[in-house]
Amino acid sequence: MKVGANKIKMHGKYYTLKANVRDITSMSAHADQHETMAWLKMFSKKPIKIFLIHGEPQAQEIFRVKIQDELKTEVVIPQLNEEFNLFSA
């Protein structure tokens, strides 16, 4: 897709873009493990459960263990089509 395009093709269909699209070629646009850990540690009330949904499986597992060890918080790596009830006690 070229930057400045008016339409995008997804799953064989064309859709009109209603967003600004930017192409970042030189660096990652998301936080690394260190930045994410620093962010998680800023919470005054720690999360009950954290879901890791990004990254390679081996890196996710290493990060899952790191978060659990340092923050003592449950970390889940969801599988494809796995469902969770986020409102249960």
PDB file of N, CA and C in Angstrom:
ATOM      1  N   MET A   1       0.863  -1.188   0.000  1.00  0.00           N
ATOM      2  CA  MET A   1       0.000   0.000   0.000  1.00  0.00           C
ATOM      3  C   MET A   1       0.890   1.225   0.000  1.00  0.00           C
ATOM      4  N   LYS A   2       0.611   2.159  -0.847  1.00  0.00           N
ATOM      5  CA  LYS A   2       1.395   3.387  -0.890  1.00  0.00           C
ATOM      6  C   LYS A   2       0.829   4.395   0.125  1.00  0.00           C
ATOM      7  N   VAL A   3       1.722   5.203   0.676  1.00  0.00           N
ATOM      8  CA  VAL A   3       1.296   6.248   1.613  1.00  0.00           C
ATOM      9  C   VAL A   3       0.474   7.266   0.845  1.00  0.00           C
ATOM     10  N   GLY A   4      -0.646   7.679   1.408  1.00  0.00           N
ATOM     11  CA  GLY A   4      -1.530   8.628   0.758  1.00  0.00           C
ATOM     12  C   GLY A   4      -2.636   7.964  -0.046  1.00  0.00           C
ATOM     13  N   ALA A   5      -2.735   6.647   0.055  1.00  0.00           N
ATOM     14  CA  ALA A   5      -3.765   5.912  -0.682  1.00  0.00           C
ATOM     15  C   ALA A   5      -5.154   6.250  -0.142  1.00  0.00           C
ATOM     16  N   ASN A   6      -6.183   6.156  -0.998  1.00  0.00           N
ATOM     17  CA  ASN A   6      -7.557   6.432  -0.593  1.00  0.00           C
ATOM     18  C   ASN A   6      -8.322   5.165  -0.244  1.00  0.00           C
ATOM     19  N   LYS A   7      -7.835   4.029  -0.732  1.00  0.00           N
ATOM     20  CA  LYS A   7      -8.507   2.745  -0.486  1.00  0.00           C
ATOM     21  C   LYS A   7      -7.461   1.723  -0.060  1.00  0.00           C
ATOM     22  N   ILE A   8      -7.944   0.701   0.619  1.00  0.00           N
ATOM     23  CA  ILE A   8      -7.085  -0.401   1.042  1.00  0.00           C
ATOM     24  C   ILE A   8      -7.806  -1.708   0.725  1.00  0.00           C
ATOM     25  N   LYS A   9      -7.039  -2.712   0.325  1.00  0.00           N
ATOM     26  CA  LYS A   9      -7.621  -4.015   0.007  1.00  0.00           C
ATOM     27  C   LYS A   9      -7.329  -4.969   1.160  1.00  0.00           C
ATOM     28  N   MET A  10      -8.397  -5.530   1.746  1.00  0.00           N
ATOM     29  CA  MET A  10      -8.270  -6.506   2.826  1.00  0.00           C
ATOM     30  C   MET A  10      -9.181  -7.673   2.530  1.00  0.00           C
ATOM     31  N   HIS A  11      -8.630  -8.869   2.569  1.00  0.00           N
ATOM     32  CA  HIS A  11      -9.388 -10.093   2.335  1.00  0.00           C
ATOM     33  C   HIS A  11     -10.183 -10.036   1.037  1.00  0.00           C
ATOM     34  N   GLY A  12      -9.546  -9.461  -0.002  1.00  0.00           N
ATOM     35  CA  GLY A  12     -10.156  -9.442  -1.321  1.00  0.00           C
ATOM     36  C   GLY A  12     -11.160  -8.335  -1.576  1.00  0.00           C
ATOM     37  N   LYS A  13     -11.434  -7.486  -0.578  1.00  0.00           N
ATOM     38  CA  LYS A  13     -12.383  -6.382  -0.755  1.00  0.00           C
ATOM     39  C   LYS A  13     -11.663  -5.052  -0.573  1.00  0.00           C
ATOM     40  N   TYR A  14     -12.141  -4.040  -1.290  1.00  0.00           N
ATOM     41  CA  TYR A  14     -11.578  -2.696  -1.154  1.00  0.00           C
ATOM     42  C   TYR A  14     -12.417  -1.869  -0.185  1.00  0.00           C
ATOM     43  N   TYR A  15     -11.736  -1.106   0.657  1.00  0.00           N
ATOM     44  CA  TYR A  15     -12.394  -0.253   1.643  1.00  0.00           C
ATOM     45  C   TYR A  15     -11.828   1.157   1.535  1.00  0.00           C
ATOM     46  N   THR A  16     -12.707   2.150   1.660  1.00  0.00           N
ATOM     47  CA  THR A  16     -12.272   3.532   1.683  1.00  0.00           C
ATOM     48  C   THR A  16     -11.602   3.816   3.021  1.00  0.00           C
ATOM     49  N   LEU A  17     -10.434   4.418   2.972  1.00  0.00           N
ATOM     50  CA  LEU A  17      -9.720   4.744   4.206  1.00  0.00           C
ATOM     51  C   LEU A  17     -10.343   5.956   4.882  1.00  0.00           C
ATOM     52  N   LYS A  18     -10.547   5.837   6.162  1.00  0.00           N
ATOM     53  CA  LYS A  18     -11.067   6.941   6.962  1.00  0.00           C
ATOM     54  C   LYS A  18     -10.059   7.264   8.059  1.00  0.00           C
ATOM     55  N   ALA A  19      -8.777   7.113   7.744  1.00  0.00           N
ATOM     56  CA  ALA A  19      -7.710   7.340   8.712  1.00  0.00           C
ATOM     57  C   ALA A  19      -6.484   7.855   7.975  1.00  0.00           C
ATOM     58  N   ASN A  20      -5.584   8.428   8.730  1.00  0.00           N
ATOM     59  CA  ASN A  20      -4.287   8.799   8.177  1.00  0.00           C
ATOM     60  C   ASN A  20      -3.364   7.598   8.324  1.00  0.00           C
ATOM     61  N   VAL A  21      -2.730   7.202   7.244  1.00  0.00           N
ATOM     62  CA  VAL A  21      -1.841   6.052   7.268  1.00  0.00           C
ATOM     63  C   VAL A  21      -0.414   6.553   7.132  1.00  0.00           C
ATOM     64  N   ARG A  22       0.465   6.074   8.008  1.00  0.00           N
ATOM     65  CA  ARG A  22       1.865   6.458   7.982  1.00  0.00           C
ATOM     66  C   ARG A  22       2.721   5.207   7.826  1.00  0.00           C
ATOM     67  N   ASP A  23       3.786   5.334   7.108  1.00  0.00           N
ATOM     68  CA  ASP A  23       4.714   4.232   6.896  1.00  0.00           C
ATOM     69  C   ASP A  23       5.975   4.513   7.708  1.00  0.00           C
ATOM     70  N   ILE A  24       6.294   3.628   8.656  1.00  0.00           N
ATOM     71  CA  ILE A  24       7.494   3.771   9.466  1.00  0.00           C
ATOM     72  C   ILE A  24       8.463   2.687   9.024  1.00  0.00           C
ATOM     73  N   THR A  25       9.568   3.077   8.411  1.00  0.00           N
ATOM     74  CA  THR A  25      10.503   2.096   7.874  1.00  0.00           C
ATOM     75  C   THR A  25      11.781   1.956   8.684  1.00  0.00           C
ATOM     76  N   SER A  26      12.057   2.880   9.570  1.00  0.00           N
ATOM     77  CA  SER A  26      13.359   2.869  10.225  1.00  0.00           C
ATOM     78  C   SER A  26      13.364   2.272  11.625  1.00  0.00           C
ATOM     79  N   MET A  27      12.231   2.146  12.256  1.00  0.00           N
ATOM     80  CA  MET A  27      12.217   1.659  13.627  1.00  0.00           C
ATOM     81  C   MET A  27      10.850   1.105  14.001  1.00  0.00           C
ATOM     82  N   SER A  28      10.794   0.446  15.128  1.00  0.00           N
ATOM     83  CA  SER A  28       9.538  -0.099  15.625  1.00  0.00           C
ATOM     84  C   SER A  28       8.659   1.033  16.141  1.00  0.00           C
ATOM     85  N   ALA A  29       7.346   0.856  16.004  1.00  0.00           N
ATOM     86  CA  ALA A  29       6.406   1.869  16.485  1.00  0.00           C
ATOM     87  C   ALA A  29       5.784   1.467  17.812  1.00  0.00           C
ATOM     88  N   HIS A  30       6.296   0.407  18.450  1.00  0.00           N
ATOM     89  CA  HIS A  30       5.736  -0.028  19.725  1.00  0.00           C
ATOM     90  C   HIS A  30       6.848  -0.146  20.770  1.00  0.00           C
ATOM     91  N   ALA A  31       6.452  -0.209  22.015  1.00  0.00           N
ATOM     92  CA  ALA A  31       7.413  -0.276  23.109  1.00  0.00           C
ATOM     93  C   ALA A  31       8.100  -1.634  23.165  1.00  0.00           C
ATOM     94  N   ASP A  32       9.359  -1.633  23.636  1.00  0.00           N
ATOM     95  CA  ASP A  32      10.050  -2.891  23.840  1.00  0.00           C
ATOM     96  C   ASP A  32       9.738  -3.415  25.244  1.00  0.00           C
ATOM     97  N   GLN A  33      10.326  -4.543  25.622  1.00  0.00           N
ATOM     98  CA  GLN A  33      10.047  -5.139  26.937  1.00  0.00           C
ATOM     99  C   GLN A  33      10.388  -4.187  28.073  1.00  0.00           C
ATOM    100  N   HIS A  34      11.529  -3.517  27.972  1.00  0.00           N
ATOM    101  CA  HIS A  34      11.951  -2.604  29.046  1.00  0.00           C
ATOM    102  C   HIS A  34      10.938  -1.478  29.230  1.00  0.00           C
ATOM    103  N   GLU A  35      10.521  -0.874  28.129  1.00  0.00           N
ATOM    104  CA  GLU A  35       9.544   0.224  28.199  1.00  0.00           C
ATOM    105  C   GLU A  35       8.189  -0.262  28.705  1.00  0.00           C
ATOM    106  N   THR A  36       7.779  -1.452  28.268  1.00  0.00           N
ATOM    107  CA  THR A  36       6.499  -2.001  28.709  1.00  0.00           C
ATOM    108  C   THR A  36       6.536  -2.319  30.204  1.00  0.00           C
ATOM    109  N   MET A  37       7.652  -2.886  30.696  1.00  0.00           N
ATOM    110  CA  MET A  37       7.779  -3.165  32.135  1.00  0.00           C
ATOM    111  C   MET A  37       7.731  -1.872  32.936  1.00  0.00           C
ATOM    112  N   ALA A  38       8.417  -0.842  32.473  1.00  0.00           N
ATOM    113  CA  ALA A  38       8.402   0.455  33.170  1.00  0.00           C
ATOM    114  C   ALA A  38       6.977   0.997  33.241  1.00  0.00           C
ATOM    115  N   TRP A  39       6.228   0.857  32.153  1.00  0.00           N
ATOM    116  CA  TRP A  39       4.842   1.327  32.109  1.00  0.00           C
ATOM    117  C   TRP A  39       3.979   0.531  33.086  1.00  0.00           C
ATOM    118  N   LEU A  40       4.128  -0.797  33.086  1.00  0.00           N
ATOM    119  CA  LEU A  40       3.339  -1.639  33.987  1.00  0.00           C
ATOM    120  C   LEU A  40       3.625  -1.324  35.454  1.00  0.00           C
ATOM    121  N   LYS A  41       4.876  -0.994  35.765  1.00  0.00           N
ATOM    122  CA  LYS A  41       5.257  -0.700  37.149  1.00  0.00           C
ATOM    123  C   LYS A  41       4.721   0.640  37.641  1.00  0.00           C
ATOM    124  N   MET A  42       4.247   1.492  36.737  1.00  0.00           N
ATOM    125  CA  MET A  42       3.711   2.804  37.118  1.00  0.00           C
ATOM    126  C   MET A  42       2.303   2.726  37.699  1.00  0.00           C
ATOM    127  N   PHE A  43       1.583   1.632  37.480  1.00  0.00           N
ATOM    128  CA  PHE A  43       0.218   1.524  37.979  1.00  0.00           C
ATOM    129  C   PHE A  43       0.215   1.542  39.508  1.00  0.00           C
ATOM    130  N   SER A  44      -0.642   2.359  40.098  1.00  0.00           N
ATOM    131  CA  SER A  44      -0.764   2.355  41.559  1.00  0.00           C
ATOM    132  C   SER A  44      -1.503   1.100  42.022  1.00  0.00           C
ATOM    133  N   LYS A  45      -2.431   0.607  41.210  1.00  0.00           N
ATOM    134  CA  LYS A  45      -3.129  -0.656  41.472  1.00  0.00           C
ATOM    135  C   LYS A  45      -2.786  -1.600  40.323  1.00  0.00           C
ATOM    136  N   LYS A  46      -2.039  -2.665  40.616  1.00  0.00           N
ATOM    137  CA  LYS A  46      -1.568  -3.535  39.541  1.00  0.00           C
ATOM    138  C   LYS A  46      -2.731  -4.295  38.897  1.00  0.00           C
ATOM    139  N   PRO A  47      -2.602  -4.596  37.614  1.00  0.00           N
ATOM    140  CA  PRO A  47      -3.642  -5.356  36.918  1.00  0.00           C
ATOM    141  C   PRO A  47      -3.801  -6.747  37.527  1.00  0.00           C
ATOM    142  N   ILE A  48      -5.014  -7.276  37.481  1.00  0.00           N
ATOM    143  CA  ILE A  48      -5.283  -8.629  37.970  1.00  0.00           C
ATOM    144  C   ILE A  48      -4.722  -9.654  36.991  1.00  0.00           C
ATOM    145  N   LYS A  49      -4.820  -9.341  35.696  1.00  0.00           N
ATOM    146  CA  LYS A  49      -4.384 -10.266  34.651  1.00  0.00           C
ATOM    147  C   LYS A  49      -3.882  -9.444  33.470  1.00  0.00           C
ATOM    148  N   ILE A  50      -2.806  -9.919  32.861  1.00  0.00           N
ATOM    149  CA  ILE A  50      -2.238  -9.260  31.690  1.00  0.00           C
ATOM    150  C   ILE A  50      -2.263 -10.249  30.532  1.00  0.00           C
ATOM    151  N   PHE A  51      -2.691  -9.778  29.361  1.00  0.00           N
ATOM    152  CA  PHE A  51      -2.719 -10.600  28.157  1.00  0.00           C
ATOM    153  C   PHE A  51      -1.602 -10.146  27.222  1.00  0.00           C
ATOM    154  N   LEU A  52      -0.731 -11.073  26.844  1.00  0.00           N
ATOM    155  CA  LEU A  52       0.313 -10.786  25.855  1.00  0.00           C
ATOM    156  C   LEU A  52      -0.186 -11.261  24.506  1.00  0.00           C
ATOM    157  N   ILE A  53      -0.329 -10.336  23.565  1.00  0.00           N
ATOM    158  CA  ILE A  53      -0.908 -10.685  22.271  1.00  0.00           C
ATOM    159  C   ILE A  53       0.014 -10.357  21.106  1.00  0.00           C
ATOM    160  N   HIS A  54       1.234  -9.919  21.392  1.00  0.00           N
ATOM    161  CA  HIS A  54       2.133  -9.489  20.325  1.00  0.00           C
ATOM    162  C   HIS A  54       3.498 -10.133  20.515  1.00  0.00           C
ATOM    163  N   GLY A  55       4.122 -10.523  19.433  1.00  0.00           N
ATOM    164  CA  GLY A  55       5.480 -11.048  19.495  1.00  0.00           C
ATOM    165  C   GLY A  55       5.578 -12.504  19.089  1.00  0.00           C
ATOM    166  N   GLU A  56       6.802 -12.943  18.920  1.00  0.00           N
ATOM    167  CA  GLU A  56       7.071 -14.335  18.593  1.00  0.00           C
ATOM    168  C   GLU A  56       6.817 -15.191  19.832  1.00  0.00           C
ATOM    169  N   PRO A  57       6.367 -16.437  19.650  1.00  0.00           N
ATOM    170  CA  PRO A  57       6.028 -17.293  20.796  1.00  0.00           C
ATOM    171  C   PRO A  57       7.128 -17.406  21.860  1.00  0.00           C
ATOM    172  N   GLN A  58       8.366 -17.582  21.452  1.00  0.00           N
ATOM    173  CA  GLN A  58       9.448 -17.719  22.433  1.00  0.00           C
ATOM    174  C   GLN A  58       9.653 -16.421  23.212  1.00  0.00           C
ATOM    175  N   ALA A  59       9.609 -15.283  22.530  1.00  0.00           N
ATOM    176  CA  ALA A  59       9.764 -13.986  23.197  1.00  0.00           C
ATOM    177  C   ALA A  59       8.583 -13.721  24.129  1.00  0.00           C
ATOM    178  N   GLN A  60       7.373 -14.089  23.712  1.00  0.00           N
ATOM    179  CA  GLN A  60       6.200 -13.932  24.574  1.00  0.00           C
ATOM    180  C   GLN A  60       6.364 -14.733  25.861  1.00  0.00           C
ATOM    181  N   GLU A  61       6.826 -15.962  25.751  1.00  0.00           N
ATOM    182  CA  GLU A  61       6.971 -16.815  26.927  1.00  0.00           C
ATOM    183  C   GLU A  61       8.023 -16.255  27.888  1.00  0.00           C
ATOM    184  N   ILE A  62       9.125 -15.777  27.354  1.00  0.00           N
ATOM    185  CA  ILE A  62      10.159 -15.165  28.203  1.00  0.00           C
ATOM    186  C   ILE A  62       9.601 -13.934  28.906  1.00  0.00           C
ATOM    187  N   PHE A  63       8.861 -13.103  28.180  1.00  0.00           N
ATOM    188  CA  PHE A  63       8.293 -11.888  28.763  1.00  0.00           C
ATOM    189  C   PHE A  63       7.203 -12.228  29.780  1.00  0.00           C
ATOM    190  N   ARG A  64       6.420 -13.279  29.508  1.00  0.00           N
ATOM    191  CA  ARG A  64       5.387 -13.718  30.448  1.00  0.00           C
ATOM    192  C   ARG A  64       6.014 -14.068  31.795  1.00  0.00           C
ATOM    193  N   VAL A  65       7.089 -14.834  31.765  1.00  0.00           N
ATOM    194  CA  VAL A  65       7.766 -15.237  33.000  1.00  0.00           C
ATOM    195  C   VAL A  65       8.342 -14.014  33.716  1.00  0.00           C
ATOM    196  N   LYS A  66       8.932 -13.092  32.964  1.00  0.00           N
ATOM    197  CA  LYS A  66       9.510 -11.876  33.552  1.00  0.00           C
ATOM    198  C   LYS A  66       8.440 -11.054  34.271  1.00  0.00           C
ATOM    199  N   ILE A  67       7.305 -10.842  33.616  1.00  0.00           N
ATOM    200  CA  ILE A  67       6.225 -10.058  34.236  1.00  0.00           C
ATOM    201  C   ILE A  67       5.730 -10.760  35.497  1.00  0.00           C
ATOM    202  N   GLN A  68       5.469 -12.051  35.399  1.00  0.00           N
ATOM    203  CA  GLN A  68       4.970 -12.796  36.568  1.00  0.00           C
ATOM    204  C   GLN A  68       5.968 -12.759  37.717  1.00  0.00           C
ATOM    205  N   ASP A  69       7.252 -12.919  37.436  1.00  0.00           N
ATOM    206  CA  ASP A  69       8.273 -12.906  38.483  1.00  0.00           C
ATOM    207  C   ASP A  69       8.401 -11.535  39.142  1.00  0.00           C
ATOM    208  N   GLU A  70       8.401 -10.492  38.337  1.00  0.00           N
ATOM    209  CA  GLU A  70       8.632  -9.146  38.875  1.00  0.00           C
ATOM    210  C   GLU A  70       7.380  -8.497  39.449  1.00  0.00           C
ATOM    211  N   LEU A  71       6.237  -8.735  38.826  1.00  0.00           N
ATOM    212  CA  LEU A  71       5.011  -8.044  39.248  1.00  0.00           C
ATOM    213  C   LEU A  71       4.046  -8.930  40.025  1.00  0.00           C
ATOM    214  N   LYS A  72       4.314 -10.226  40.069  1.00  0.00           N
ATOM    215  CA  LYS A  72       3.436 -11.176  40.772  1.00  0.00           C
ATOM    216  C   LYS A  72       1.999 -11.052  40.279  1.00  0.00           C
ATOM    217  N   THR A  73       1.858 -10.948  38.956  1.00  0.00           N
ATOM    218  CA  THR A  73       0.561 -10.803  38.301  1.00  0.00           C
ATOM    219  C   THR A  73       0.400 -11.920  37.273  1.00  0.00           C
ATOM    220  N   GLU A  74      -0.798 -12.470  37.161  1.00  0.00           N
ATOM    221  CA  GLU A  74      -1.055 -13.520  36.179  1.00  0.00           C
ATOM    222  C   GLU A  74      -0.910 -12.959  34.769  1.00  0.00           C
ATOM    223  N   VAL A  75      -0.219 -13.710  33.920  1.00  0.00           N
ATOM    224  CA  VAL A  75      -0.033 -13.312  32.522  1.00  0.00           C
ATOM    225  C   VAL A  75      -0.517 -14.453  31.634  1.00  0.00           C
ATOM    226  N   VAL A  76      -1.334 -14.113  30.636  1.00  0.00           N
ATOM    227  CA  VAL A  76      -1.926 -15.092  29.737  1.00  0.00           C
ATOM    228  C   VAL A  76      -1.460 -14.798  28.313  1.00  0.00           C
ATOM    229  N   ILE A  77      -1.087 -15.843  27.591  1.00  0.00           N
ATOM    230  CA  ILE A  77      -0.809 -15.742  26.161  1.00  0.00           C
ATOM    231  C   ILE A  77      -1.958 -16.460  25.459  1.00  0.00           C
ATOM    232  N   PRO A  78      -2.960 -15.719  24.991  1.00  0.00           N
ATOM    233  CA  PRO A  78      -4.143 -16.353  24.396  1.00  0.00           C
ATOM    234  C   PRO A  78      -3.796 -17.140  23.129  1.00  0.00           C
ATOM    235  N   GLN A  79      -4.507 -18.212  22.925  1.00  0.00           N
ATOM    236  CA  GLN A  79      -4.404 -19.003  21.704  1.00  0.00           C
ATOM    237  C   GLN A  79      -5.462 -18.518  20.715  1.00  0.00           C
ATOM    238  N   LEU A  80      -5.279 -18.814  19.443  1.00  0.00           N
ATOM    239  CA  LEU A  80      -6.216 -18.397  18.407  1.00  0.00           C
ATOM    240  C   LEU A  80      -7.633 -18.861  18.758  1.00  0.00           C
ATOM    241  N   ASN A  81      -8.585 -17.946  18.711  1.00  0.00           N
ATOM    242  CA  ASN A  81     -10.011 -18.176  18.980  1.00  0.00           C
ATOM    243  C   ASN A  81     -10.326 -18.502  20.443  1.00  0.00           C
ATOM    244  N   GLU A  82      -9.360 -18.373  21.335  1.00  0.00           N
ATOM    245  CA  GLU A  82      -9.635 -18.599  22.753  1.00  0.00           C
ATOM    246  C   GLU A  82     -10.473 -17.438  23.288  1.00  0.00           C
ATOM    247  N   GLU A  83     -11.438 -17.737  24.138  1.00  0.00           N
ATOM    248  CA  GLU A  83     -12.327 -16.716  24.693  1.00  0.00           C
ATOM    249  C   GLU A  83     -12.126 -16.606  26.194  1.00  0.00           C
ATOM    250  N   PHE A  84     -12.343 -15.395  26.712  1.00  0.00           N
ATOM    251  CA  PHE A  84     -12.195 -15.116  28.134  1.00  0.00           C
ATOM    252  C   PHE A  84     -13.385 -14.309  28.626  1.00  0.00           C
ATOM    253  N   ASN A  85     -13.860 -14.627  29.814  1.00  0.00           N
ATOM    254  CA  ASN A  85     -14.902 -13.827  30.456  1.00  0.00           C
ATOM    255  C   ASN A  85     -14.190 -12.839  31.371  1.00  0.00           C
ATOM    256  N   LEU A  86     -14.156 -11.601  30.976  1.00  0.00           N
ATOM    257  CA  LEU A  86     -13.434 -10.588  31.741  1.00  0.00           C
ATOM    258  C   LEU A  86     -14.258 -10.002  32.869  1.00  0.00           C
ATOM    259  N   PHE A  87     -15.493 -10.435  33.004  1.00  0.00           N
ATOM    260  CA  PHE A  87     -16.368  -9.881  34.026  1.00  0.00           C
ATOM    261  C   PHE A  87     -16.683 -10.863  35.132  1.00  0.00           C
ATOM    262  N   SER A  88     -16.068 -12.038  35.112  1.00  0.00           N
ATOM    263  CA  SER A  88     -16.341 -13.019  36.164  1.00  0.00           C
ATOM    264  C   SER A  88     -15.537 -12.672  37.410  1.00  0.00           C
ATOM    265  N   ALA A  89     -16.039 -13.140  38.553  1.00  0.00           N
ATOM    266  CA  ALA A  89     -15.377 -12.832  39.819  1.00  0.00           C
ATOM    267  C   ALA A  89     -14.160 -13.667  40.023  1.00  0.00           C
TER     268      ALA A  89
END
